[in-house]
Protein backbone atom coordinates (compact mmCIF):
# COMPACT_ATOMS: atom_id res chain seq x y z
CA MET A 1 20.45 1.35 -2.05
CA PRO A 2 18.80 3.36 -4.76
CA SER A 3 16.49 6.53 -4.03
CA LEU A 4 14.96 9.20 -5.87
CA THR A 5 14.25 12.93 -4.94
CA VAL A 6 11.09 14.53 -6.19
CA ARG A 7 9.76 17.84 -5.69
CA ASP A 8 10.42 19.84 -2.40
CA ASN A 9 13.24 17.62 -1.77
CA ILE A 10 11.10 14.52 -0.77
CA CYS A 11 13.20 11.44 -1.25
CA PHE A 12 12.02 7.84 -1.88
CA HIS A 13 14.03 4.84 -1.32
CA TYR A 14 13.23 2.15 -3.54
CA THR A 15 14.42 -1.35 -4.67
CA ASP A 16 14.75 -2.27 -8.26
CA SER A 17 14.84 -6.16 -9.56
CA GLY A 18 16.47 -4.78 -12.69
CA PRO A 19 15.54 -5.23 -16.40
CA PRO A 20 14.65 -8.60 -17.30
CA ASN A 21 16.35 -10.13 -20.40
CA LYS A 22 13.79 -9.36 -23.01
CA PRO A 23 12.72 -6.23 -24.62
CA ASN A 24 9.47 -4.47 -24.14
CA TYR A 25 8.86 -5.91 -20.56
CA SER A 26 6.20 -5.09 -17.92
CA SER A 27 7.29 -3.20 -15.01
CA LEU A 28 5.27 -3.64 -11.53
CA PHE A 29 5.31 -1.12 -8.69
CA ILE A 30 4.57 -2.30 -5.27
CA ILE A 31 3.46 0.39 -2.39
CA HIS A 32 3.80 -1.34 0.93
CA GLY A 33 1.20 -1.27 4.04
CA HIS A 34 1.37 -0.87 7.72
CA THR A 35 4.80 -1.30 9.41
CA PHE A 36 6.03 -4.15 6.99
CA HIS A 37 8.12 -2.17 4.30
CA SER A 38 9.59 -2.81 1.12
CA ASP A 39 13.24 -2.64 2.22
CA THR A 40 15.80 -1.51 4.92
CA PRO A 41 18.58 0.51 2.85
CA ARG A 42 21.23 0.02 5.85
CA MET A 43 21.34 -3.62 4.89
CA THR A 44 21.13 -3.80 1.30
CA SER A 45 24.13 -5.46 -0.50
CA VAL A 46 24.02 -7.12 -3.57
CA ALA A 47 27.51 -8.92 -3.01
CA SER A 48 25.86 -10.40 0.18
CA ASN A 49 22.71 -11.33 -1.77
CA SER A 50 20.54 -9.44 0.65
CA LEU A 51 19.22 -6.98 -1.75
CA TYR A 52 15.84 -8.69 -1.68
CA LEU A 53 14.74 -7.67 2.16
CA GLY A 54 11.45 -6.35 3.24
CA ALA A 55 7.70 -7.50 2.77
CA PHE A 56 8.37 -8.76 -0.98
CA ARG A 57 11.50 -10.43 -0.75
CA LYS A 58 10.36 -13.44 -1.97
CA ILE A 59 8.61 -12.42 -4.99
CA THR A 60 11.34 -9.80 -6.32
CA PRO A 61 14.08 -12.56 -7.28
CA LEU A 62 10.97 -14.12 -9.42
CA ALA A 63 10.77 -11.05 -11.45
CA ALA A 64 13.40 -11.69 -14.07
CA SER A 65 12.31 -15.43 -14.93
CA ASN A 66 8.75 -14.08 -15.64
CA GLY A 67 9.49 -11.02 -17.86
CA LEU A 68 8.79 -8.31 -14.95
CA ARG A 69 10.92 -5.59 -13.43
CA ILE A 70 9.42 -5.27 -9.67
CA ILE A 71 10.02 -1.87 -8.24
CA CYS A 72 9.15 -1.70 -4.42
CA VAL A 73 8.76 1.85 -2.75
CA ASN A 74 9.18 2.74 1.00
CA ARG A 75 6.66 5.23 1.77
CA ARG A 76 7.33 8.56 3.52
CA GLU A 77 8.70 7.92 7.38
CA TYR A 78 9.88 4.51 6.43
CA PRO A 79 13.95 3.48 5.83
CA GLY A 80 15.53 5.60 3.61
CA SER A 81 12.47 7.83 2.56
CA SER A 82 11.94 11.55 3.86
CA PRO A 83 9.89 11.98 7.12
CA PHE A 84 7.08 13.94 7.14
CA THR A 85 7.02 17.66 8.66
CA PRO A 86 5.65 18.33 12.04
CA GLU A 87 2.58 20.07 10.31
CA GLU A 88 1.95 17.13 8.04
CA LEU A 89 1.74 15.01 11.13
CA ARG A 90 -0.48 17.32 12.93
CA VAL A 91 -2.90 17.26 9.78
CA PHE A 92 -2.83 13.52 9.87
CA ASN A 93 -3.82 13.43 13.40
CA GLU A 94 -5.80 16.35 14.03
CA GLY A 95 -6.71 17.67 10.90
CA CYS A 96 -10.28 18.38 9.41
CA ASP A 97 -11.10 16.36 6.68
CA ALA A 98 -10.34 18.88 4.08
CA GLU A 99 -6.89 19.53 5.18
CA ARG A 100 -6.62 15.54 5.36
CA ALA A 101 -7.95 15.45 1.80
CA LYS A 102 -5.63 17.65 0.44
CA LEU A 103 -2.61 16.10 2.37
CA LEU A 104 -3.29 12.63 0.89
CA ASN A 105 -3.79 14.31 -2.58
CA GLU A 106 -0.18 15.67 -2.15
CA GLN A 107 1.26 12.24 -1.25
CA GLY A 108 -0.69 11.18 -4.77
CA ILE A 109 1.14 13.83 -6.65
CA LEU A 110 4.59 12.77 -5.16
CA LEU A 111 4.14 9.31 -6.14
CA CYS A 112 2.88 10.17 -9.27
CA GLU A 113 6.20 12.08 -10.02
CA LEU A 114 8.07 9.34 -8.65
CA VAL A 115 6.79 6.91 -11.00
CA ASP A 116 7.34 9.53 -13.84
CA SER A 117 10.95 10.37 -13.03
CA LEU A 118 11.78 6.56 -12.76
CA ILE A 119 10.16 6.06 -16.24
CA ASN A 120 12.70 8.49 -17.41
CA THR A 121 15.73 7.37 -15.00
CA LEU A 122 15.10 3.48 -15.64
CA SER A 123 13.91 3.72 -19.47
CA LEU A 124 10.87 1.72 -18.79
CA PRO A 125 9.39 0.41 -22.00
CA LYS A 126 5.94 1.92 -22.61
CA GLU A 127 5.01 -1.01 -24.97
CA GLY A 128 5.13 -3.55 -21.77
CA GLY A 129 3.12 -1.03 -19.61
CA ILE A 130 3.23 -0.51 -15.88
CA THR A 131 1.08 -1.85 -12.98
CA ILE A 132 0.83 0.19 -9.88
CA SER A 133 0.13 -2.58 -6.95
CA SER A 134 -0.59 -1.52 -3.49
CA TRP A 135 -0.76 -3.70 -0.72
CA SER A 136 -2.73 -3.22 2.60
CA MET A 137 -2.92 0.10 3.74
CA GLY A 138 -0.71 1.01 1.00
CA CYS A 139 -4.12 1.03 -0.91
CA ILE A 140 -4.86 4.34 0.39
CA PHE A 141 -1.67 5.90 -1.50
CA ALA A 142 -2.51 4.02 -4.66
CA ILE A 143 -5.87 5.64 -4.69
CA ALA A 144 -4.44 8.89 -4.14
CA MET A 145 -2.21 8.64 -7.13
CA LEU A 146 -5.11 8.13 -9.03
CA THR A 147 -7.03 10.74 -7.86
CA ALA A 148 -4.11 13.26 -8.34
CA ILE A 149 -4.05 12.99 -11.90
CA SER A 150 -5.90 16.29 -12.67
CA ASP A 151 -3.10 18.08 -10.42
CA LEU A 152 -0.44 16.86 -12.43
CA PRO A 153 1.78 18.93 -15.14
CA LYS A 154 0.74 17.81 -18.63
CA GLY A 155 4.02 16.13 -19.44
CA VAL A 156 3.74 14.11 -16.42
CA ARG A 157 -0.05 13.17 -16.76
CA GLU A 158 0.61 12.23 -20.55
CA ARG A 159 3.47 9.82 -20.11
CA LEU A 160 1.76 7.98 -16.90
CA ARG A 161 -1.38 7.58 -19.11
CA GLY A 162 0.83 6.22 -21.79
CA HIS A 163 2.66 3.91 -19.54
CA VAL A 164 0.32 2.55 -16.59
CA ARG A 165 -2.18 0.19 -17.70
CA LYS A 166 -3.12 -1.34 -14.50
CA LEU A 167 -3.90 -0.76 -10.72
CA LEU A 168 -3.73 -3.71 -8.54
CA LEU A 169 -5.52 -3.05 -5.00
CA TRP A 170 -4.12 -5.95 -3.11
CA ASP A 171 -6.05 -6.62 0.01
CA PRO A 172 -7.30 -3.49 1.09
CA PRO A 173 -8.64 -3.16 4.40
CA ALA A 174 -12.23 -1.86 4.52
CA THR A 175 -11.45 1.63 6.39
CA THR A 176 -8.82 2.49 3.75
CA ILE A 177 -11.62 2.31 1.01
CA GLY A 178 -13.80 4.46 3.04
CA THR A 179 -15.93 1.68 4.76
CA ALA A 180 -16.13 2.45 8.54
CA ASP A 181 -15.82 -0.61 10.85
CA PRO A 182 -19.20 -1.96 12.18
CA PRO A 183 -19.94 -1.11 15.91
CA GLY A 184 -18.40 -3.69 18.12
CA SER A 185 -15.84 -4.86 15.27
CA TYR A 186 -12.30 -5.71 16.69
CA VAL A 187 -9.10 -4.49 15.84
CA PRO A 188 -6.12 -4.84 17.67
CA LEU A 189 -4.48 -1.20 17.14
CA PHE A 190 -7.59 0.11 18.68
CA ASP A 191 -8.05 -2.34 21.36
CA THR A 192 -8.10 0.03 24.39
CA SER A 193 -7.72 -3.38 26.71
CA LEU A 194 -4.16 -3.71 25.75
CA PRO A 195 -1.52 -1.26 26.72
CA PRO A 196 -0.54 1.28 23.65
CA GLU A 197 3.06 -0.76 23.33
CA ALA A 198 1.27 -3.94 23.06
CA ARG A 199 -0.94 -3.00 20.32
CA GLY A 200 1.29 -2.93 17.32
CA PRO A 201 2.86 -6.57 18.01
CA THR A 202 -0.43 -7.99 18.77
CA PHE A 203 -2.08 -6.73 15.62
CA GLY A 204 0.92 -8.05 13.71
CA VAL A 205 0.15 -11.63 14.82
CA TRP A 206 -3.62 -10.93 14.24
CA VAL A 207 -3.12 -9.69 10.73
CA SER A 208 -0.87 -12.28 9.53
CA SER A 209 -2.87 -15.06 10.75
CA TYR A 210 -5.47 -17.23 8.99
CA PHE A 211 -9.09 -17.28 9.64
CA LYS A 212 -11.89 -19.50 8.93
CA HIS A 213 -15.05 -17.58 8.10
CA GLY A 214 -18.73 -18.92 7.07
CA ASN A 215 -20.43 -17.84 3.95
CA LEU A 216 -18.75 -15.03 2.31
CA SER A 217 -21.16 -14.59 -0.38
CA SER A 218 -23.89 -13.87 2.18
CA HIS A 219 -22.20 -10.27 2.70
CA ASN A 220 -23.32 -10.91 6.20
CA PHE A 221 -20.83 -9.48 8.75
CA ASP A 222 -21.76 -12.21 11.32
CA GLN A 223 -20.45 -14.68 8.81
CA LEU A 224 -16.74 -13.17 9.56
CA ASN A 225 -14.39 -14.59 12.33
CA GLN A 226 -12.99 -11.62 14.12
CA ARG A 227 -10.88 -13.09 16.93
CA ASP A 228 -10.02 -16.62 16.52
CA PRO A 229 -7.52 -17.69 14.06
CA ASP A 230 -7.08 -21.14 12.59
CA PRO A 231 -5.29 -23.28 15.01
CA SER A 232 -3.96 -25.46 12.31
CA ARG A 233 -2.07 -22.61 10.60
CA GLN A 234 0.50 -20.47 12.29
CA ALA A 235 0.53 -16.81 11.40
CA THR A 236 3.25 -15.68 9.07
CA ILE A 237 4.88 -13.33 11.53
CA LEU A 238 5.29 -16.20 13.94
CA LYS A 239 7.07 -18.16 11.30
CA MET A 240 9.55 -15.39 10.89
CA THR A 241 13.09 -15.07 12.74
CA PRO A 242 13.92 -11.78 14.90
CA GLU A 243 16.44 -10.97 12.33
CA GLU A 244 13.85 -11.31 9.35
CA ILE A 245 11.25 -9.44 11.34
CA ALA A 246 13.83 -6.55 12.13
CA ALA A 247 14.65 -6.41 8.35
CA ASN A 248 10.91 -6.35 7.36
CA THR A 249 9.39 -4.20 9.82
CA ASP A 250 9.39 -0.48 11.12
CA PHE A 251 7.29 0.22 14.04
CA ALA A 252 7.77 3.87 14.55
CA PRO A 253 5.80 5.25 11.57
CA GLY A 254 2.74 3.23 13.05
CA PRO A 255 1.61 5.67 15.83
CA LYS A 256 2.92 8.95 13.79
CA TYR A 257 0.47 8.38 10.95
CA ASP A 258 -0.05 4.86 9.71
CA THR A 259 -2.84 3.98 12.69
CA VAL A 260 -4.67 7.18 12.29
CA LEU A 261 -5.17 6.60 8.64
CA CYS A 262 -6.78 3.10 9.04
CA SER A 263 -8.85 4.77 11.79
CA PRO A 264 -12.74 5.52 11.21
CA SER A 265 -11.93 9.24 11.58
CA PHE A 266 -10.46 8.68 8.15
CA ALA A 267 -13.47 6.99 6.59
CA GLY A 268 -15.00 10.06 4.75
CA VAL A 269 -11.78 11.33 3.21
CA HIS A 270 -11.05 7.59 2.09
CA TRP A 271 -14.52 6.95 0.74
CA ASP A 272 -14.33 10.49 -1.38
CA GLN A 273 -10.97 9.45 -2.71
CA THR A 274 -12.40 5.87 -3.67
CA ASN A 275 -15.12 7.19 -5.49
CA LYS A 276 -13.43 9.60 -7.50
CA ALA A 277 -10.65 6.94 -8.30
CA LEU A 278 -12.93 4.26 -9.33
CA PHE A 279 -16.17 5.36 -10.18
CA ASP A 280 -15.61 8.96 -11.63
CA PRO A 281 -15.82 8.78 -15.22
CA GLU A 282 -13.68 11.90 -15.90
CA CYS A 283 -10.78 10.50 -13.51
CA ARG A 284 -11.15 7.02 -15.41
CA GLU A 285 -10.80 9.14 -18.36
CA GLN A 286 -7.78 10.77 -17.75
CA TRP A 287 -5.79 7.55 -16.91
CA GLY A 288 -7.12 6.32 -20.17
CA GLY A 289 -9.40 3.67 -18.74
CA LEU A 290 -7.04 1.82 -17.02
CA ASP A 291 -7.88 -1.65 -15.58
CA VAL A 292 -8.50 -1.98 -11.79
CA VAL A 293 -8.02 -5.41 -10.16
CA HIS A 294 -9.05 -6.32 -6.83
CA MET A 295 -6.88 -9.18 -5.38
CA TYR A 296 -7.81 -11.07 -1.89
CA GLY A 297 -7.27 -13.78 0.15
CA ASP A 298 -10.21 -15.48 1.78
CA SER A 299 -8.41 -16.67 5.02
CA ASN A 300 -7.53 -13.13 5.71
CA SER A 301 -8.85 -11.03 8.72
CA TRP A 302 -12.20 -9.73 8.62
CA ILE A 303 -11.18 -6.24 7.65
CA ILE A 304 -9.76 -7.37 4.19
CA LEU A 305 -13.13 -9.40 3.30
CA ASN A 306 -15.48 -6.37 4.37
CA GLY A 307 -13.29 -4.28 2.04
CA LEU A 308 -14.07 -6.64 -0.58
CA TRP A 309 -17.78 -6.37 -0.08
CA SER A 310 -17.63 -2.84 0.10
CA LEU A 311 -16.02 -2.60 -3.48
CA GLU A 312 -18.51 -5.24 -4.81
CA ARG A 313 -21.56 -2.80 -3.57
CA GLY A 314 -19.73 0.24 -5.29
């Protein structure tokens, strides 16, 4: 049940696949999304082979044979990691754009310092390099890491610049990169016809479903299927046992801050961050011109594909 404390006694729980049997291997950090986290510390047991719990449990055991070391981080409020303070939660939910931008930048700094500390603690090789990967709404925090580079101590900045070679944005929803949802678009998290307690579970089925869309090259929103999953393919969460769902999810952080981070009220803050992280020459230069990769599946819900179009427009 490894964890590491960075500044202000903020602790992050993480899982580590361990070093593969080769020198100068590559390291992959993964930041999880809404509700589905990286690990449940109280259930971690190497002896019982349950180390690989959480949303990435199926890819972590493949690391060693592919010459990788995979480190999955639980974000704050998720099992084993520090909660937010009441003031921080207030800013997420009620703060102005300037307060929210500052708070997100602080989270980027903390995650950068976590990676830097793990470079030293785990002796991660510089030659193989590091990829920072973020899944779904976790992309908010990976982007915040990029924009925080100018606020890091010189030594931390230079180590990250030397080690981190790539940013992998994995299925970022449109709102997380600053694209407001089109009028009348549907997301169960914000469906007021559903009772509040039903929105999270409904969203879990919806977001893990497969959708047949129209012509994606058209960039026409009318080509996106918003509500009707492909009946021939079962939603991923419906294939999971109750025990697997319990080991992969934590529904408490959503109402506290995750859901509002995905809401239209954050669109301006997210776009400013995305624009700086991906398109600002000074920010890119400070990272040494690292590669940015956008990975997506074309049967995802519309929020992912609308995000793809947003990044293509730049």
